[in-house]
Amino acid sequence: MILHNTAQVNTRIDAGTILTIDDNFTTLTDHSLIIENGVITQISPTESVQHIIASEHYCLPNHVIIPGLINAHGHASMALLRGIANDLPLNIWLQEHIWPAEGKWVDSDFVSFGAKLAMAEMLKSGTTTFSDMYFFPEVVAQMAQTVGMRTQLACPILDFPTAWGSGPDEYIEKTLELHRAFESSDLVHMAFGPHAPYTVSDDPIRSLISAAREHSLPIQMHVHETQKEVNDAVTNSGKRPIKRLSELGLFEPDLNTQAVHMTALTESEISLLAKTNTSVIHCPESNMKLASGFCPTQALSAAGVNIALGTDGAASNNDLDMLGEMRTAALIAKGYTGDATALSAKECIRMATINGAKALGLEQLIGSLEVSKQADIVAIDLDHLNTLPSYDIPADIVYNTNASQVTHTWVNGKLLVDCGHLTGIDEDMLKDEARQWGQKIKSGNK
């Protein structure tokens, strides 16, 4: 006797717990996700979908399923410079170590392998989307499509020549060319990436703002990374960087401006960010390692500013683990304010998922587990000593869990990590090539 008509689908995931990260932070127990053609088509109690037959069926009763994590700021290929300069302040780290190393080593081969290495690390720790600000973004775009990761590429814009171009005009034109080339891509999205207020002058900023409006492209920029940056700007121009950038038109409600770091802010600047719908990308571990200061996340949140989370590059972090970044963000907020309620576990998870999607302008596609959204999904195994017993799953994720507990990662419905193993990248070969790059860079022989 047939009790149910059967249905055939691409993927069915039966999970002990699902955190949807919808507007109500809905938590579902013993539910299943159904995926067709890369899209979530159904979320229902597992007992009600027994008739649905899937080409790929995953039974994960001890797992929590969450949206893919969104690393909203980084420099992926700098994974090849991980640990090259440590225990130094930002200006010395950057000017005396990183910029010289980049000047010698950065080319398309460096960027291609460095990006692949970073993507592998991110996928294994639950990141499905990353924003990258680095040279040769066309190479990162191709690698992202090959690997299957989702990315926003904030193409670098600086006043001076680099390996990628001759100056601001060429950088802006190359960004627009890449936007046209990848406009129909499911995975690759372009943005303008003016490096920082102290490396980009007024005219290029005006030009990229105009182009961003015309082509509906986001703008991501390092802003107020340190108090020294602010002090130097006041000494040189009489203006704090945010005031100058605001006068140039960077902070306006019709622009998608993503301000990275933001460690030195006044109340009026926080109010400006809120009024102009500017997103702040918080990079707590990099900021601490470089002694750059503390982003006032509690004050920003209270003002209604959208706060996303990023790792920054592995050369200043020194990892790309968004689970660890959530924990650090929560602990810093509490220690900085003296308020143990500051930045709750749920808020941190939002920062790493839906807030990141909003910052990148992708909230209609990703950031939460809801019907019709793209199937960017992560499974975390809670059946470990450090997550047992479990009383509060969001708190478990933020305060207890480590990256090794990520067992499955899907992007666009495609399984890229299966039982902790990369499905499309040979990890042993990746490690061998990383060692070879390390030996070459250490020896100084190109």
Protein backbone atom coordinates (compact mmCIF):
# COMPACT_ATOMS: atom_id res chain seq x y z
CA MET A 1 0.00 0.00 0.00
CA ILE A 2 1.45 3.44 -1.01
CA LEU A 3 1.15 5.94 1.83
CA HIS A 4 2.88 8.88 0.10
CA ASN A 5 3.72 9.89 -3.42
CA THR A 6 7.49 10.03 -3.74
CA ALA A 7 9.37 13.07 -4.99
CA GLN A 8 12.91 13.26 -6.36
CA VAL A 9 15.15 16.18 -5.39
CA ASN A 10 18.84 17.04 -5.52
CA THR A 11 19.66 17.19 -1.82
CA ARG A 12 17.96 16.52 1.49
CA ILE A 13 19.63 17.37 4.81
CA ASP A 14 18.05 15.95 7.97
CA ALA A 15 19.38 17.89 10.95
CA GLY A 16 19.09 17.78 14.71
CA THR A 17 18.93 21.58 14.82
CA ILE A 18 18.64 24.33 12.22
CA LEU A 19 19.40 27.96 13.02
CA THR A 20 17.68 29.85 10.23
CA ILE A 21 18.96 33.32 11.22
CA ASP A 22 15.73 34.78 9.89
CA ASP A 23 14.27 37.96 11.39
CA ASN A 24 13.08 36.01 14.42
CA PHE A 25 16.23 33.89 14.78
CA THR A 26 14.01 30.83 14.41
CA THR A 27 15.50 27.60 15.75
CA LEU A 28 14.11 24.34 14.39
CA THR A 29 14.56 20.87 15.87
CA ASP A 30 14.48 17.65 13.80
CA HIS A 31 13.87 19.48 10.54
CA SER A 32 15.05 18.92 6.99
CA LEU A 33 16.29 21.21 4.24
CA ILE A 34 15.40 20.39 0.65
CA ILE A 35 17.63 21.78 -2.10
CA GLU A 36 16.91 21.92 -5.81
CA ASN A 37 19.23 23.51 -8.38
CA GLY A 38 21.24 25.28 -5.71
CA VAL A 39 18.23 26.84 -4.00
CA ILE A 40 16.49 26.00 -0.71
CA THR A 41 12.99 24.90 -1.74
CA GLN A 42 11.61 23.53 1.53
CA ILE A 43 12.29 23.50 5.28
CA SER A 44 10.00 21.07 7.08
CA PRO A 45 9.86 18.62 9.99
CA THR A 46 11.86 15.56 9.03
CA GLU A 47 8.94 13.25 9.76
CA SER A 48 6.90 15.04 7.07
CA VAL A 49 9.43 14.61 4.25
CA GLN A 50 10.13 10.89 4.50
CA HIS A 51 8.58 10.42 1.06
CA ILE A 52 11.10 12.78 -0.55
CA ILE A 53 13.93 10.86 -2.20
CA ALA A 54 17.14 12.80 -2.76
CA SER A 55 20.11 12.13 -4.98
CA GLU A 56 22.22 13.18 -1.98
CA HIS A 57 20.74 12.51 1.47
CA TYR A 58 22.54 13.55 4.66
CA CYS A 59 21.43 12.44 8.13
CA LEU A 60 23.01 14.75 10.72
CA PRO A 61 21.16 14.25 14.01
CA ASN A 62 24.00 15.58 16.20
CA HIS A 63 24.64 18.63 14.09
CA VAL A 64 23.49 22.22 13.99
CA ILE A 65 22.91 23.60 10.50
CA ILE A 66 23.60 27.30 9.98
CA PRO A 67 23.89 29.64 7.00
CA GLY A 68 27.32 29.75 5.44
CA LEU A 69 29.60 32.20 7.24
CA ILE A 70 30.44 35.44 5.43
CA ASN A 71 33.96 36.79 5.81
CA ALA A 72 33.22 40.40 4.92
CA HIS A 73 36.81 41.63 4.67
CA GLY A 74 40.14 40.08 3.88
CA HIS A 75 43.10 39.78 1.54
CA ALA A 76 42.92 36.13 0.56
CA SER A 77 46.24 35.71 -1.21
CA MET A 78 48.11 37.07 1.81
CA ALA A 79 47.71 33.54 3.17
CA LEU A 80 51.13 33.07 1.54
CA LEU A 81 52.53 35.77 3.86
CA ARG A 82 51.09 34.23 7.01
CA GLY A 83 53.54 34.81 9.85
CA ILE A 84 56.08 36.73 7.79
CA ALA A 85 56.01 39.68 10.22
CA ASN A 86 54.66 39.46 13.75
CA ASP A 87 54.42 41.52 16.95
CA LEU A 88 54.69 44.85 15.14
CA PRO A 89 52.48 47.98 14.97
CA LEU A 90 50.50 48.53 11.77
CA ASN A 91 52.69 51.20 10.16
CA ILE A 92 55.94 49.25 10.65
CA TRP A 93 54.31 45.92 9.76
CA LEU A 94 52.85 47.40 6.57
CA GLN A 95 55.57 49.76 5.35
CA GLU A 96 58.71 47.85 6.34
CA HIS A 97 57.60 44.25 5.84
CA ILE A 98 54.34 43.68 3.92
CA TRP A 99 54.67 46.26 1.16
CA PRO A 100 58.27 45.26 0.35
CA ALA A 101 57.31 41.57 0.30
CA GLU A 102 54.35 42.29 -1.95
CA GLY A 103 56.53 44.39 -4.23
CA LYS A 104 58.84 41.44 -4.72
CA TRP A 105 56.46 38.50 -4.83
CA VAL A 106 52.97 39.55 -5.90
CA ASP A 107 52.08 38.48 -9.42
CA SER A 108 49.25 36.47 -10.92
CA ASP A 109 50.79 33.13 -9.86
CA PHE A 110 51.21 34.31 -6.25
CA VAL A 111 47.63 35.57 -6.17
CA SER A 112 46.16 32.46 -7.78
CA PHE A 113 47.75 29.98 -5.39
CA GLY A 114 47.39 32.23 -2.34
CA ALA A 115 43.68 32.62 -3.03
CA LYS A 116 43.24 28.87 -3.46
CA LEU A 117 45.03 28.24 -0.17
CA ALA A 118 42.80 30.78 1.60
CA MET A 119 39.60 29.39 0.08
CA ALA A 120 40.47 25.89 1.24
CA GLU A 121 41.02 27.15 4.79
CA MET A 122 37.82 29.16 4.77
CA LEU A 123 35.66 26.36 3.40
CA LYS A 124 36.92 23.91 6.03
CA SER A 125 36.01 26.37 8.78
CA GLY A 126 32.52 27.13 7.47
CA THR A 127 32.98 30.25 5.35
CA THR A 128 31.05 30.17 2.08
CA THR A 129 31.38 33.82 1.00
CA PHE A 130 34.38 36.12 1.32
CA SER A 131 35.12 39.71 0.39
CA ASP A 132 38.61 40.16 -1.00
CA MET A 133 40.61 43.35 -1.48
CA TYR A 134 43.78 42.46 -3.35
CA PHE A 135 45.71 42.72 -6.57
CA PHE A 136 44.81 40.72 -9.71
CA PRO A 137 41.14 40.32 -8.72
CA GLU A 138 40.46 38.74 -12.11
CA VAL A 139 42.66 35.82 -11.02
CA VAL A 140 40.78 35.49 -7.71
CA ALA A 141 37.49 35.60 -9.64
CA GLN A 142 38.55 32.68 -11.82
CA MET A 143 39.79 30.71 -8.82
CA ALA A 144 36.55 31.35 -6.91
CA GLN A 145 34.55 30.00 -9.83
CA THR A 146 36.83 26.97 -10.10
CA VAL A 147 36.62 26.21 -6.38
CA GLY A 148 32.92 27.12 -6.17
CA MET A 149 33.05 29.85 -3.51
CA ARG A 150 31.04 33.04 -3.47
CA THR A 151 33.00 36.29 -3.37
CA GLN A 152 32.88 40.06 -3.50
CA LEU A 153 36.07 41.40 -5.08
CA ALA A 154 36.84 44.93 -3.88
CA CYS A 155 39.28 45.83 -6.65
CA PRO A 156 42.19 47.86 -5.25
CA ILE A 157 42.45 51.57 -5.96
CA LEU A 158 45.50 53.57 -4.83
CA ASP A 159 47.23 56.76 -5.93
CA PHE A 160 50.40 54.96 -6.99
CA PRO A 161 51.38 52.20 -9.43
CA THR A 162 51.34 48.54 -8.37
CA ALA A 163 51.81 45.21 -10.10
CA TRP A 164 48.13 45.45 -11.13
CA GLY A 165 48.11 48.88 -12.72
CA SER A 166 49.54 52.33 -13.25
CA GLY A 167 47.25 54.40 -11.06
CA PRO A 168 43.67 55.30 -10.10
CA ASP A 169 42.25 55.77 -13.59
CA GLU A 170 43.43 52.36 -14.73
CA TYR A 171 42.28 50.69 -11.49
CA ILE A 172 38.78 52.15 -11.89
CA GLU A 173 38.54 51.14 -15.54
CA LYS A 174 39.77 47.61 -14.77
CA THR A 175 37.14 47.30 -12.04
CA LEU A 176 34.41 48.25 -14.50
CA GLU A 177 35.76 45.80 -17.08
CA LEU A 178 35.63 43.00 -14.51
CA HIS A 179 32.13 44.03 -13.49
CA ARG A 180 31.01 43.66 -17.10
CA ALA A 181 32.84 40.34 -17.47
CA PHE A 182 31.30 38.75 -14.36
CA GLU A 183 27.95 40.51 -14.25
CA SER A 184 26.07 37.27 -14.95
CA SER A 185 28.10 35.14 -12.54
CA ASP A 186 26.26 33.41 -9.69
CA LEU A 187 29.35 33.54 -7.49
CA VAL A 188 31.48 36.59 -8.33
CA HIS A 189 30.48 40.16 -7.48
CA MET A 190 32.60 43.27 -8.01
CA ALA A 191 33.15 46.32 -5.81
CA PHE A 192 35.49 49.28 -5.67
CA GLY A 193 38.26 48.90 -3.10
CA PRO A 194 39.94 52.24 -2.39
CA HIS A 195 42.65 51.16 0.03
CA ALA A 196 42.54 53.87 2.72
CA PRO A 197 42.14 57.63 3.17
CA TYR A 198 45.90 58.07 3.33
CA THR A 199 46.58 56.20 0.05
CA VAL A 200 43.76 57.60 -2.12
CA SER A 201 43.42 61.31 -2.90
CA ASP A 202 40.25 63.32 -3.45
CA ASP A 203 39.83 63.13 -7.24
CA PRO A 204 39.99 59.30 -7.48
CA ILE A 205 37.47 59.04 -4.63
CA ARG A 206 35.09 61.38 -6.46
CA SER A 207 35.54 59.37 -9.67
CA LEU A 208 34.89 55.99 -8.07
CA ILE A 209 31.84 57.31 -6.20
CA SER A 210 30.39 58.47 -9.53
CA ALA A 211 31.14 55.11 -11.14
CA ALA A 212 29.71 53.22 -8.15
CA ARG A 213 26.44 55.11 -8.51
CA GLU A 214 26.27 54.59 -12.26
CA HIS A 215 26.92 50.84 -12.06
CA SER A 216 25.38 50.08 -8.64
CA LEU A 217 28.66 48.80 -7.23
CA PRO A 218 29.62 48.69 -3.53
CA ILE A 219 32.64 50.51 -2.12
CA GLN A 220 34.83 48.93 0.56
CA MET A 221 37.58 50.93 2.28
CA HIS A 222 39.84 50.74 5.34
CA VAL A 223 38.74 53.72 7.46
CA HIS A 224 39.89 54.87 10.91
CA GLU A 225 41.97 51.72 11.31
CA THR A 226 44.08 53.33 14.04
CA GLN A 227 44.06 56.45 16.18
CA LYS A 228 47.39 57.37 14.53
CA GLU A 229 45.69 57.44 11.13
CA VAL A 230 43.13 59.89 12.49
CA ASN A 231 45.74 62.03 14.26
CA ASP A 232 47.95 62.20 11.17
CA ALA A 233 45.00 63.25 9.01
CA VAL A 234 44.09 66.05 11.42
CA THR A 235 47.70 67.22 11.51
CA ASN A 236 48.03 67.19 7.72
CA SER A 237 44.61 68.49 6.67
CA GLY A 238 42.78 69.67 9.75
CA LYS A 239 40.09 67.04 9.14
CA ARG A 240 39.36 63.61 10.53
CA PRO A 241 39.22 61.03 7.70
CA ILE A 242 35.48 60.42 8.04
CA LYS A 243 34.77 64.15 7.75
CA ARG A 244 36.86 64.40 4.60
CA LEU A 245 35.30 61.28 3.07
CA SER A 246 31.82 62.51 3.98
CA GLU A 247 32.46 65.83 2.27
CA LEU A 248 33.60 63.92 -0.83
CA GLY A 249 30.29 62.01 -0.80
CA LEU A 250 31.40 58.56 0.31
CA PHE A 251 28.78 58.29 3.05
CA GLU A 252 25.36 58.64 1.43
CA PRO A 253 22.20 56.50 1.79
CA ASP A 254 22.14 55.58 -1.91
CA LEU A 255 25.65 54.12 -1.81
CA ASN A 256 26.64 50.73 -0.43
CA THR A 257 29.69 51.83 1.54
CA GLN A 258 31.51 49.25 3.65
CA ALA A 259 33.88 50.84 6.17
CA VAL A 260 36.48 48.41 7.51
CA HIS A 261 38.03 48.51 11.02
CA MET A 262 36.58 51.79 12.42
CA THR A 263 38.47 51.73 15.69
CA ALA A 264 38.44 55.47 16.46
CA LEU A 265 34.94 56.93 16.29
CA THR A 266 33.07 59.82 17.86
CA GLU A 267 29.35 59.87 18.68
CA SER A 268 28.66 62.18 15.73
CA GLU A 269 30.54 59.84 13.38
CA ILE A 270 28.53 56.86 14.61
CA SER A 271 25.35 58.87 14.03
CA LEU A 272 26.51 59.67 10.48
CA LEU A 273 27.09 55.98 9.76
CA ALA A 274 23.60 55.11 10.99
CA LYS A 275 21.90 57.87 8.97
CA THR A 276 23.67 56.88 5.76
CA ASN A 277 23.17 53.10 6.06
CA THR A 278 26.94 52.57 6.04
CA SER A 279 28.03 49.09 7.10
CA VAL A 280 30.99 48.60 9.42
CA ILE A 281 33.22 45.56 8.91
CA HIS A 282 34.70 44.58 12.28
CA CYS A 283 38.05 42.70 12.22
CA PRO A 284 38.77 42.14 15.91
CA GLU A 285 41.68 39.70 15.81
CA SER A 286 43.70 41.62 13.25
CA ASN A 287 43.04 44.86 15.13
CA MET A 288 44.28 43.32 18.37
CA LYS A 289 47.37 41.69 16.84
CA LEU A 290 48.45 44.99 15.28
CA ALA A 291 47.38 46.97 18.38
CA SER A 292 45.19 49.07 16.11
CA GLY A 293 42.47 49.71 18.67
CA PHE A 294 38.92 48.57 19.34
CA CYS A 295 35.85 49.04 17.20
CA PRO A 296 33.00 50.31 19.44
CA THR A 297 30.56 47.61 18.38
CA GLN A 298 28.14 48.12 21.26
CA ALA A 299 27.70 51.82 20.47
CA LEU A 300 27.39 51.10 16.75
CA SER A 301 24.79 48.41 17.37
CA ALA A 302 22.81 50.66 19.70
CA ALA A 303 22.76 53.32 16.97
CA GLY A 304 21.39 50.84 14.44
CA VAL A 305 24.54 50.48 12.32
CA ASN A 306 24.85 47.20 10.43
CA ILE A 307 28.00 45.45 11.68
CA ALA A 308 29.54 42.57 9.74
CA LEU A 309 32.59 40.53 10.60
CA GLY A 310 35.86 39.87 8.80
CA THR A 311 39.15 38.17 9.51
CA ASP A 312 41.32 40.59 7.51
CA GLY A 313 44.28 38.84 5.87
CA ALA A 314 46.12 35.85 7.29
CA ALA A 315 49.29 37.96 7.40
CA SER A 316 47.79 39.97 10.25
CA ASN A 317 45.38 37.55 11.92
CA ASN A 318 46.94 34.82 11.42
CA ASP A 319 44.02 32.60 10.40
CA LEU A 320 40.78 32.83 8.43
CA ASP A 321 38.53 31.17 11.01
CA MET A 322 35.22 33.00 11.34
CA LEU A 323 34.13 30.85 14.30
CA GLY A 324 37.13 32.14 16.22
CA GLU A 325 36.41 35.66 15.01
CA MET A 326 32.90 35.52 16.47
CA ARG A 327 34.24 34.45 19.85
CA THR A 328 36.86 37.20 19.84
CA ALA A 329 34.29 39.83 18.83
CA ALA A 330 32.01 38.85 21.69
CA LEU A 331 34.76 38.83 24.29
CA ILE A 332 36.28 42.14 23.17
CA ALA A 333 32.91 43.88 23.33
CA LYS A 334 32.38 42.73 26.90
CA GLY A 335 35.89 43.61 28.05
CA TYR A 336 35.94 46.96 26.23
CA THR A 337 32.61 48.15 27.64
CA GLY A 338 32.70 46.43 31.02
CA ASP A 339 29.25 45.10 30.15
CA ALA A 340 28.85 41.31 30.11
CA THR A 341 25.65 41.64 28.07
CA ALA A 342 27.42 43.44 25.21
CA LEU A 343 27.36 41.66 21.85
CA SER A 344 25.47 38.47 22.62
CA ALA A 345 26.14 35.15 20.94
CA LYS A 346 23.10 35.64 18.69
CA GLU A 347 24.33 39.08 17.65
CA CYS A 348 27.74 37.64 16.77
CA ILE A 349 26.16 34.93 14.62
CA ARG A 350 24.13 37.59 12.83
CA MET A 351 27.30 39.59 12.22
CA ALA A 352 28.90 36.55 10.61
CA THR A 353 25.87 35.68 8.45
CA ILE A 354 22.94 37.95 7.59
CA ASN A 355 24.71 41.19 8.55
CA GLY A 356 27.58 40.22 6.27
CA ALA A 357 25.09 39.56 3.48
CA LYS A 358 23.51 42.98 4.05
CA ALA A 359 26.92 44.65 4.03
CA LEU A 360 27.75 43.09 0.65
CA GLY A 361 24.28 43.81 -0.74
CA LEU A 362 23.52 40.08 -1.04
CA GLU A 363 20.87 39.65 1.67
CA GLN A 364 18.24 38.58 -0.86
CA LEU A 365 20.44 35.64 -1.85
CA ILE A 366 22.33 34.50 1.24
CA GLY A 367 22.85 35.07 4.96
CA SER A 368 19.89 33.08 6.28
CA LEU A 369 18.30 29.68 5.68
CA GLU A 370 14.97 30.51 4.07
CA VAL A 371 12.99 29.14 1.16
CA SER A 372 14.11 30.62 -2.20
CA LYS A 373 17.55 31.63 -0.91
CA GLN A 374 20.76 30.11 -2.24
CA ALA A 375 21.83 26.92 -0.49
CA ASP A 376 24.97 28.21 1.25
CA ILE A 377 24.94 25.94 4.28
CA VAL A 378 27.29 24.73 7.01
CA ALA A 379 26.93 21.71 9.30
CA ILE A 380 28.67 21.76 12.69
CA ASP A 381 29.00 18.58 14.74
CA LEU A 382 28.09 19.29 18.38
CA ASP A 383 28.80 15.72 19.51
CA HIS A 384 32.18 16.70 21.00
CA LEU A 385 33.42 16.99 24.55
CA ASN A 386 33.75 20.77 24.27
CA THR A 387 30.10 21.17 23.19
CA LEU A 388 28.49 18.72 25.62
CA PRO A 389 26.20 19.05 27.42
CA SER A 390 24.40 21.64 25.33
CA TYR A 391 22.04 24.19 26.86
CA ASP A 392 22.28 27.09 24.43
CA ILE A 393 23.26 26.28 20.84
CA PRO A 394 24.05 29.86 19.69
CA ALA A 395 26.34 30.19 22.72
CA ASP A 396 27.87 26.79 21.91
CA ILE A 397 28.72 28.02 18.41
CA VAL A 398 30.28 31.29 19.55
CA TYR A 399 32.00 30.28 22.79
CA ASN A 400 32.70 26.53 22.53
CA THR A 401 32.98 25.40 18.94
CA ASN A 402 36.18 25.18 16.92
CA ALA A 403 36.73 24.93 13.19
CA SER A 404 37.46 21.20 13.25
CA GLN A 405 33.80 20.60 14.10
CA VAL A 406 32.68 21.85 10.68
CA THR A 407 31.87 18.66 8.80
CA HIS A 408 29.96 19.82 5.70
CA THR A 409 29.95 23.00 3.67
CA TRP A 410 27.66 23.68 0.70
CA VAL A 411 27.81 26.67 -1.66
CA ASN A 412 25.00 27.10 -4.17
CA GLY A 413 23.87 23.62 -3.16
CA LYS A 414 27.20 22.07 -4.13
CA LEU A 415 28.99 20.08 -1.43
CA LEU A 416 32.53 21.49 -1.09
CA VAL A 417 33.43 19.94 2.28
CA ASP A 418 32.28 16.40 3.08
CA CYS A 419 32.97 14.93 6.53
CA GLY A 420 35.74 17.49 6.99
CA HIS A 421 37.42 16.80 3.65
CA LEU A 422 37.57 19.15 0.66
CA THR A 423 35.75 17.61 -2.28
CA GLY A 424 37.29 19.66 -5.09
CA ILE A 425 40.81 20.40 -3.84
CA ASP A 426 43.59 17.88 -3.26
CA GLU A 427 44.67 18.95 0.23
CA ASP A 428 47.99 17.05 0.19
CA MET A 429 49.01 18.70 -3.08
CA LEU A 430 47.89 22.07 -1.70
CA LYS A 431 50.10 21.63 1.37
CA ASP A 432 53.10 20.60 -0.74
CA GLU A 433 52.80 23.68 -2.94
CA ALA A 434 52.32 25.92 0.10
CA ARG A 435 55.57 24.58 1.57
CA GLN A 436 57.35 25.24 -1.72
CA TRP A 437 56.11 28.83 -1.78
CA GLY A 438 57.18 29.27 1.85
CA GLN A 439 60.70 28.00 1.14
CA LYS A 440 61.01 30.30 -1.88
CA ILE A 441 59.81 33.39 -0.01
CA LYS A 442 61.99 32.61 3.00
CA SER A 443 65.07 32.17 0.82
CA GLY A 444 64.39 35.44 -1.02
CA ASN A 445 65.10 33.82 -4.38
CA LYS A 446 62.31 34.45 -6.83
